[in-house]
Amino acid sequence: MMSCNVGTADRIVRLVLAALLLAAAASGSLVDWAAVGAVFVAVVLGLTAILRFCPLYALLRIRTCPAEAR
């Protein structure tokens, strides 16, 4: 089972970055391949923030959430 490894501050940063990347892709200021990459990264950041689980953090054994939230 997935346990929480993404804390509140980390979630906020991920959501803000995801929103900025989506806005940049939607504005047309990025070339096609960069816009696709930005959307992909935004989706990954958004999902990891919503699920409070980051597979890369799990692999590296990093936890930014408090112990009681696990």
Protein backbone atom coordinates (compact mmCIF):
# COMPACT_ATOMS: atom_id res chain seq x y z
CA MET A 1 0.00 0.00 0.00
CA MET A 2 1.11 3.55 -0.70
CA SER A 3 1.87 5.60 2.36
CA CYS A 4 2.06 9.37 2.49
CA ASN A 5 5.50 10.69 1.59
CA VAL A 6 4.60 14.19 0.33
CA GLY A 7 3.99 16.87 2.97
CA THR A 8 1.74 19.91 2.87
CA ALA A 9 4.37 22.45 1.82
CA ASP A 10 5.60 20.05 -0.86
CA ARG A 11 2.02 19.58 -2.12
CA ILE A 12 1.48 23.33 -2.39
CA VAL A 13 4.70 23.81 -4.34
CA ARG A 14 3.79 20.94 -6.69
CA LEU A 15 0.29 22.33 -7.30
CA VAL A 16 1.58 25.85 -7.97
CA LEU A 17 4.23 24.54 -10.38
CA ALA A 18 1.64 22.38 -12.12
CA ALA A 19 -0.67 25.38 -12.56
CA LEU A 20 2.17 27.53 -13.91
CA LEU A 21 3.24 24.84 -16.38
CA LEU A 22 -0.33 24.36 -17.59
CA ALA A 23 -0.75 28.11 -18.00
CA ALA A 24 2.48 28.35 -19.99
CA ALA A 25 1.40 25.48 -22.24
CA ALA A 26 -2.09 26.93 -22.75
CA SER A 27 -0.82 30.43 -23.50
CA GLY A 28 0.99 29.29 -26.63
CA SER A 29 4.29 30.75 -25.49
CA LEU A 30 5.98 27.34 -25.74
CA VAL A 31 6.81 25.46 -28.92
CA ASP A 32 4.81 22.28 -29.53
CA TRP A 33 7.20 19.74 -28.00
CA ALA A 34 7.87 21.95 -24.97
CA ALA A 35 4.13 22.42 -24.42
CA VAL A 36 3.58 18.65 -24.47
CA GLY A 37 6.44 18.19 -22.01
CA ALA A 38 5.08 20.93 -19.76
CA VAL A 39 1.63 19.33 -19.71
CA PHE A 40 3.13 15.92 -18.91
CA VAL A 41 5.21 17.30 -16.03
CA ALA A 42 2.20 19.29 -14.77
CA VAL A 43 0.03 16.16 -14.72
CA VAL A 44 2.68 14.19 -12.82
CA LEU A 45 3.17 17.00 -10.30
CA GLY A 46 -0.58 17.39 -9.85
CA LEU A 47 -1.19 13.67 -9.35
CA THR A 48 1.63 13.30 -6.84
CA ALA A 49 0.28 16.30 -4.92
CA ILE A 50 -3.30 14.98 -4.90
CA LEU A 51 -2.32 11.41 -4.00
CA ARG A 52 0.30 12.57 -1.45
CA PHE A 53 2.61 9.89 -2.85
CA CYS A 54 5.67 10.33 -5.06
CA PRO A 55 7.23 7.15 -6.50
CA LEU A 56 10.62 8.85 -6.82
CA TYR A 57 10.50 9.86 -3.14
CA ALA A 58 9.63 6.26 -2.25
CA LEU A 59 12.59 4.98 -4.27
CA LEU A 60 14.94 7.46 -2.59
CA ARG A 61 13.26 6.97 0.83
CA ILE A 62 12.42 10.65 1.17
CA ARG A 63 9.44 11.75 3.30
CA THR A 64 8.30 15.32 3.64
CA CYS A 65 5.05 14.57 5.48
CA PRO A 66 4.83 14.45 9.28
CA ALA A 67 5.10 11.06 10.98
CA GLU A 68 1.48 11.07 12.19
CA ALA A 69 0.16 11.44 8.60
CA ARG A 70 1.85 8.25 7.44
